[in-house]
C-alpha cells in the first residue's frame, strides 16, 4: 500500500476504507455494524491514523459521522501522528499540513 500524493484520497488505505464503507452500507449493514467491522480490521495497524481520517471523512459525507470516529480522527490530527509518513520530505510535510 502507498500514497502518491498528500491529499486524503491519494492513499491506498484511504481509498480502501472509503470503498469498503460504501460497499458494506449498500449491502444493508447499519452504520454501526460497518464501523465496528472496519475498526476490527484496521485497529492497531500502522494504517490506523489514515483509517480514522478516511472513515471520519466518508461518514461525514454520508451524514453518518459517529462521535467516536470523529474523536479518534481529531486525536490523530492533534497528535500529528497522521503526518509521520511525510517527515522525510519537508515540502510534502508542509503540503500535507495544509490539506
C-alpha atoms as a PDB file:
ATOM      1  CA  UNK A   1       0.000   0.000   0.000  1.00  0.00           C
ATOM      2  CA  UNK A   2       1.178   3.503  -0.606  1.00  0.00           C
ATOM      3  CA  UNK A   3       0.478   7.124  -1.154  1.00  0.00           C
ATOM      4  CA  UNK A   4       1.020   9.024  -4.371  1.00  0.00           C
ATOM      5  CA  UNK A   5       0.163  12.479  -3.047  1.00  0.00           C
ATOM      6  CA  UNK A   6      -0.599  14.394   0.122  1.00  0.00           C
ATOM      7  CA  UNK A   7      -4.379  14.617  -0.155  1.00  0.00           C
ATOM      8  CA  UNK A   8      -6.529  12.229   1.865  1.00  0.00           C
ATOM      9  CA  UNK A   9      -7.642  10.063  -1.038  1.00  0.00           C
ATOM     10  CA  UNK A  10      -4.214   9.944  -2.632  1.00  0.00           C
ATOM     11  CA  UNK A  11      -3.511   6.986  -0.375  1.00  0.00           C
ATOM     12  CA  UNK A  12      -4.388   3.341  -0.998  1.00  0.00           C
ATOM     13  CA  UNK A  13      -5.610   2.766   2.551  1.00  0.00           C
ATOM     14  CA  UNK A  14      -7.910   5.800   2.478  1.00  0.00           C
ATOM     15  CA  UNK A  15      -9.353   4.679  -0.858  1.00  0.00           C
ATOM     16  CA  UNK A  16      -9.881   1.157   0.508  1.00  0.00           C
ATOM     17  CA  UNK A  17     -11.629   2.486   3.627  1.00  0.00           C
ATOM     18  CA  UNK A  18     -13.941   4.667   1.551  1.00  0.00           C
ATOM     19  CA  UNK A  19     -14.793   1.855  -0.881  1.00  0.00           C
ATOM     20  CA  UNK A  20     -15.307  -0.761   1.839  1.00  0.00           C
ATOM     21  CA  UNK A  21     -17.544   1.572   3.849  1.00  0.00           C
ATOM     22  CA  UNK A  22     -19.783   2.291   0.868  1.00  0.00           C
ATOM     23  CA  UNK A  23     -19.964  -1.375  -0.202  1.00  0.00           C
ATOM     24  CA  UNK A  24     -20.946  -2.540   3.282  1.00  0.00           C
ATOM     25  CA  UNK A  25     -23.624   0.146   3.611  1.00  0.00           C
ATOM     26  CA  UNK A  26     -25.065  -0.807   0.224  1.00  0.00           C
ATOM     27  CA  UNK A  27     -25.059  -4.458   1.348  1.00  0.00           C
ATOM     28  CA  UNK A  28     -27.506  -3.477   4.074  1.00  0.00           C
ATOM     29  CA  UNK A  29     -25.297  -3.237   7.145  1.00  0.00           C
ATOM     30  CA  UNK A  30     -26.032  -0.429   9.581  1.00  0.00           C
ATOM     31  CA  UNK A  31     -23.571   2.396  10.084  1.00  0.00           C
ATOM     32  CA  UNK A  32     -22.642   0.951  13.487  1.00  0.00           C
ATOM     33  CA  UNK A  33     -22.097  -2.543  12.054  1.00  0.00           C
ATOM     34  CA  UNK A  34     -19.906  -1.232   9.246  1.00  0.00           C
ATOM     35  CA  UNK A  35     -17.911   0.905  11.645  1.00  0.00           C
ATOM     36  CA  UNK A  36     -17.287  -1.897  14.139  1.00  0.00           C
ATOM     37  CA  UNK A  37     -16.210  -4.370  11.471  1.00  0.00           C
ATOM     38  CA  UNK A  38     -13.829  -1.854   9.964  1.00  0.00           C
ATOM     39  CA  UNK A  39     -12.362  -0.909  13.346  1.00  0.00           C
ATOM     40  CA  UNK A  40     -11.562  -4.584  13.976  1.00  0.00           C
ATOM     41  CA  UNK A  41      -9.839  -4.768  10.596  1.00  0.00           C
ATOM     42  CA  UNK A  42      -7.693  -1.620  10.889  1.00  0.00           C
ATOM     43  CA  UNK A  43      -7.206  -1.134  14.634  1.00  0.00           C
ATOM     44  CA  UNK A  44      -3.647  -1.493  15.909  1.00  0.00           C
ATOM     45  CA  UNK A  45      -2.147  -1.352  12.423  1.00  0.00           C
ATOM     46  CA  UNK A  46       0.364   1.106  11.010  1.00  0.00           C
ATOM     47  CA  UNK A  47      -2.515   2.444   8.913  1.00  0.00           C
ATOM     48  CA  UNK A  48      -4.631   3.420  11.898  1.00  0.00           C
ATOM     49  CA  UNK A  49      -4.181   7.219  11.508  1.00  0.00           C
ATOM     50  CA  UNK A  50      -5.236   7.276   7.848  1.00  0.00           C
ATOM     51  CA  UNK A  51      -8.043   4.810   8.629  1.00  0.00           C
ATOM     52  CA  UNK A  52      -9.634   7.145  11.186  1.00  0.00           C
ATOM     53  CA  UNK A  53      -9.265  10.198   8.939  1.00  0.00           C
ATOM     54  CA  UNK A  54     -10.791   8.457   5.930  1.00  0.00           C
ATOM     55  CA  UNK A  55     -13.595   6.863   7.942  1.00  0.00           C
ATOM     56  CA  UNK A  56     -14.479  10.193   9.547  1.00  0.00           C
ATOM     57  CA  UNK A  57     -14.496  11.884   6.148  1.00  0.00           C
ATOM     58  CA  UNK A  58     -16.707   9.325   4.422  1.00  0.00           C
ATOM     59  CA  UNK A  59     -19.103   9.107   7.350  1.00  0.00           C
ATOM     60  CA  UNK A  60     -19.369  12.895   7.410  1.00  0.00           C
ATOM     61  CA  UNK A  61     -20.032  12.969   3.650  1.00  0.00           C
ATOM     62  CA  UNK A  62     -22.845  10.442   4.119  1.00  0.00           C
ATOM     63  CA  UNK A  63     -24.270  12.314   7.114  1.00  0.00           C
ATOM     64  CA  UNK A  64     -23.463   9.409   9.467  1.00  0.00           C
ATOM     65  CA  UNK A  65     -20.421  10.610  11.414  1.00  0.00           C
ATOM     66  CA  UNK A  66     -20.234   8.790  14.736  1.00  0.00           C
ATOM     67  CA  UNK A  67     -18.819  10.672  17.718  1.00  0.00           C
ATOM     68  CA  UNK A  68     -16.124   8.075  18.426  1.00  0.00           C
ATOM     69  CA  UNK A  69     -14.945   8.173  14.808  1.00  0.00           C
ATOM     70  CA  UNK A  70     -14.793  11.965  14.888  1.00  0.00           C
ATOM     71  CA  UNK A  71     -12.950  11.933  18.230  1.00  0.00           C
ATOM     72  CA  UNK A  72     -10.346   9.429  17.002  1.00  0.00           C
ATOM     73  CA  UNK A  73      -9.737  11.412  13.819  1.00  0.00           C
ATOM     74  CA  UNK A  74      -9.286  14.613  15.804  1.00  0.00           C
ATOM     75  CA  UNK A  75      -6.937  12.838  18.219  1.00  0.00           C
ATOM     76  CA  UNK A  76      -4.703  11.764  15.327  1.00  0.00           C
ATOM     77  CA  UNK A  77      -4.785  15.232  13.806  1.00  0.00           C
ATOM     78  CA  UNK A  78      -3.947  16.903  17.117  1.00  0.00           C
ATOM     79  CA  UNK A  79      -1.122  14.434  17.854  1.00  0.00           C
ATOM     80  CA  UNK A  80       0.455  14.870  14.424  1.00  0.00           C
ATOM     81  CA  UNK A  81       0.738  11.088  14.073  1.00  0.00           C
ATOM     82  CA  UNK A  82      -1.047  11.283  10.728  1.00  0.00           C
ATOM     83  CA  UNK A  83       1.944  13.287   9.413  1.00  0.00           C
ATOM     84  CA  UNK A  84       4.658  10.761  10.269  1.00  0.00           C
ATOM     85  CA  UNK A  85       4.995   9.316   6.771  1.00  0.00           C
ATOM     86  CA  UNK A  86       5.839  12.774   5.428  1.00  0.00           C
ATOM     87  CA  UNK A  87       8.664  13.759   7.826  1.00  0.00           C
ATOM     88  CA  UNK A  88      11.429  12.801   5.378  1.00  0.00           C
ATOM     89  CA  UNK A  89      10.325  15.443   2.882  1.00  0.00           C
ATOM     90  CA  UNK A  90       9.637  18.872   4.376  1.00  0.00           C
ATOM     91  CA  UNK A  91       7.895  20.113   1.220  1.00  0.00           C
ATOM     92  CA  UNK A  92       5.437  17.221   1.281  1.00  0.00           C
ATOM     93  CA  UNK A  93       5.017  17.578   5.036  1.00  0.00           C
ATOM     94  CA  UNK A  94       4.076  21.251   4.646  1.00  0.00           C
ATOM     95  CA  UNK A  95       1.686  20.398   1.800  1.00  0.00           C
ATOM     96  CA  UNK A  96       0.042  17.634   3.880  1.00  0.00           C
ATOM     97  CA  UNK A  97      -0.424  20.024   6.814  1.00  0.00           C
ATOM     98  CA  UNK A  98      -2.366  22.351   4.510  1.00  0.00           C
ATOM     99  CA  UNK A  99      -4.751  19.585   3.366  1.00  0.00           C
END
